C-alpha atoms as a PDB file:
ATOM      1  CA  MET A   1      -9.451  15.562  -0.403  1.00  0.00           C
ATOM      2  CA  SER A   2     -12.309  14.479   1.846  1.00  0.00           C
ATOM      3  CA  GLU A   3     -12.099  11.745   4.507  1.00  0.00           C
ATOM      4  CA  THR A   4     -14.246   9.518   2.331  1.00  0.00           C
ATOM      5  CA  ASP A   5     -11.743   9.948  -0.595  1.00  0.00           C
ATOM      6  CA  ASP A   6      -8.931   9.071   1.761  1.00  0.00           C
ATOM      7  CA  GLU A   7     -10.761   5.910   2.955  1.00  0.00           C
ATOM      8  CA  LEU A   8     -11.487   4.835  -0.624  1.00  0.00           C
ATOM      9  CA  ILE A   9      -7.879   5.356  -1.687  1.00  0.00           C
ATOM     10  CA  ALA A  10      -6.732   3.436   1.411  1.00  0.00           C
ATOM     11  CA  VAL A  11      -8.983   0.477   0.643  1.00  0.00           C
ATOM     12  CA  VAL A  12      -7.819   0.433  -2.964  1.00  0.00           C
ATOM     13  CA  ALA A  13      -4.095   0.780  -2.170  1.00  0.00           C
ATOM     14  CA  HIS A  14      -4.440  -1.917   0.517  1.00  0.00           C
ATOM     15  CA  GLY A  15      -6.174  -4.366  -1.775  1.00  0.00           C
ATOM     16  CA  LEU A  16      -3.651  -3.704  -4.571  1.00  0.00           C
ATOM     17  CA  LEU A  17      -0.658  -4.092  -2.240  1.00  0.00           C
ATOM     18  CA  ASN A  18      -2.126  -7.458  -0.988  1.00  0.00           C
ATOM     19  CA  SER A  19      -2.693  -8.665  -4.561  1.00  0.00           C
ATOM     20  CA  ILE A  20       0.836  -7.686  -5.621  1.00  0.00           C
ATOM     21  CA  ALA A  21       2.274  -9.535  -2.634  1.00  0.00           C
ATOM     22  CA  SER A  22       0.272 -12.581  -3.547  1.00  0.00           C
ATOM     23  CA  ILE A  23       1.481 -12.477  -7.201  1.00  0.00           C
ATOM     24  CA  ARG A  24       5.091 -12.097  -6.053  1.00  0.00           C
ATOM     25  CA  ILE A  25       4.784 -15.044  -3.560  1.00  0.00           C
ATOM     26  CA  ASN A  26       3.230 -17.354  -6.094  1.00  0.00           C
ATOM     27  CA  ALA A  27       5.764 -16.478  -8.810  1.00  0.00           C
ATOM     28  CA  ASP A  28       8.556 -17.393  -6.348  1.00  0.00           C
ATOM     29  CA  LEU A  29       6.776 -20.601  -5.372  1.00  0.00           C
ATOM     30  CA  LEU A  30       6.347 -21.570  -8.956  1.00  0.00           C
ATOM     31  CA  ARG A  31      10.000 -20.812  -9.698  1.00  0.00           C
ATOM     32  CA  ARG A  32      11.044 -23.150  -6.774  1.00  0.00           C
ATOM     33  CA  SER A  33       8.518 -25.991  -7.417  1.00  0.00           C
ATOM     34  CA  ALA A  34       8.996 -26.760 -11.045  1.00  0.00           C
ATOM     35  CA  GLU A  35      11.692 -27.508 -13.520  1.00  0.00           C
ATOM     36  CA  LEU A  36      11.301 -24.613 -15.937  1.00  0.00           C
ATOM     37  CA  SER A  37      12.482 -23.923 -19.385  1.00  0.00           C
ATOM     38  CA  SER A  38      14.511 -20.841 -20.050  1.00  0.00           C
ATOM     39  CA  ASP A  39      11.368 -19.171 -21.564  1.00  0.00           C
ATOM     40  CA  GLN A  40       9.277 -20.001 -18.444  1.00  0.00           C
ATOM     41  CA  GLN A  41      12.033 -18.634 -16.234  1.00  0.00           C
ATOM     42  CA  GLU A  42      12.080 -15.407 -18.237  1.00  0.00           C
ATOM     43  CA  MET A  43       8.283 -15.127 -17.863  1.00  0.00           C
ATOM     44  CA  ILE A  44       8.443 -15.626 -14.126  1.00  0.00           C
ATOM     45  CA  GLU A  45      11.304 -13.076 -13.876  1.00  0.00           C
ATOM     46  CA  ALA A  46       9.173 -10.590 -15.830  1.00  0.00           C
ATOM     47  CA  ILE A  47       6.234 -11.166 -13.353  1.00  0.00           C
ATOM     48  CA  GLU A  48       8.616 -10.647 -10.407  1.00  0.00           C
ATOM     49  CA  VAL A  49      10.117  -7.500 -11.835  1.00  0.00           C
ATOM     50  CA  GLN A  50       6.862  -5.874 -12.781  1.00  0.00           C
ATOM     51  CA  SER A  51       5.047  -6.810  -9.601  1.00  0.00           C
ATOM     52  CA  LYS A  52       7.906  -5.332  -7.594  1.00  0.00           C
ATOM     53  CA  HIS A  53       7.699  -2.153  -9.748  1.00  0.00           C
ATOM     54  CA  VAL A  54       3.915  -1.808  -9.234  1.00  0.00           C
ATOM     55  CA  GLY A  55       4.315  -2.488  -5.527  1.00  0.00           C
ATOM     56  CA  ALA A  56       6.929   0.194  -5.235  1.00  0.00           C
ATOM     57  CA  VAL A  57       4.696   2.687  -7.156  1.00  0.00           C
ATOM     58  CA  LEU A  58       1.778   1.970  -4.736  1.00  0.00           C
ATOM     59  CA  VAL A  59       4.130   2.442  -1.720  1.00  0.00           C
ATOM     60  CA  ASP A  60       5.365   5.738  -3.150  1.00  0.00           C
ATOM     61  CA  LEU A  61       1.801   6.921  -3.641  1.00  0.00           C
ATOM     62  CA  THR A  62       0.961   6.245  -0.095  1.00  0.00           C
ATOM     63  CA  ARG A  63       4.088   8.001   1.129  1.00  0.00           C
ATOM     64  CA  VAL A  64       2.961  11.297  -0.478  1.00  0.00           C
ATOM     65  CA  ALA A  65      -0.470  10.919   1.074  1.00  0.00           C
ATOM     66  CA  GLY A  66      -1.788  13.044   3.919  1.00  0.00           C
ATOM     67  CA  PRO A  67      -2.012  11.756   7.482  1.00  0.00           C
ATOM     68  CA  GLU A  68      -5.656  10.834   7.113  1.00  0.00           C
ATOM     69  CA  LEU A  69      -4.863   8.362   4.305  1.00  0.00           C
ATOM     70  CA  LEU A  70      -1.916   6.837   6.157  1.00  0.00           C
ATOM     71  CA  ALA A  71      -4.088   6.426   9.308  1.00  0.00           C
ATOM     72  CA  GLN A  72      -6.640   4.589   7.120  1.00  0.00           C
ATOM     73  CA  LEU A  73      -3.999   2.335   5.645  1.00  0.00           C
ATOM     74  CA  ASP A  74      -2.544   1.511   9.093  1.00  0.00           C
ATOM     75  CA  LYS A  75      -6.072   0.743  10.357  1.00  0.00           C
ATOM     76  CA  LEU A  76      -6.676  -1.611   7.355  1.00  0.00           C
ATOM     77  CA  GLN A  77      -3.386  -3.429   7.832  1.00  0.00           C
ATOM     78  CA  ARG A  78      -4.338  -4.082  11.494  1.00  0.00           C
ATOM     79  CA  GLY A  79      -7.679  -5.394  10.301  1.00  0.00           C
ATOM     80  CA  GLU A  80      -9.660  -2.739  12.136  1.00  0.00           C
ATOM     81  CA  PRO A  81     -13.064  -1.784  10.574  1.00  0.00           C
ATOM     82  CA  GLY A  82     -14.553   1.692  10.521  1.00  0.00           C
ATOM     83  CA  ARG A  83     -12.984   5.122  10.299  1.00  0.00           C
ATOM     84  CA  ALA A  84      -9.588   5.849  11.659  1.00  0.00           C
ATOM     85  CA  SER A  85      -9.013   8.708  14.050  1.00  0.00           C
ATOM     86  CA  THR A  86      -6.202  11.085  13.281  1.00  0.00           C
ATOM     87  CA  ASP A  87      -6.374  12.947  16.598  1.00  0.00           C
END
């Protein structure tokens, strides 16, 4: 895989992990802020379970990645632009 491929995968994984975190946080806030019917509670639980599952899959995918991809993810998480050095 090329460095450009690693960068693209890192950007996509980073964006998806952030989105999943937002979904989980908002589901938790909704659960705490409203009096919910049992059906609504089940729907929120499904959102929480599935978002946790998707987040775990993304984390697993990044764990099997090479050092270049991990370096790109680390750089994105720190908010640093440009290419990461793996030296």
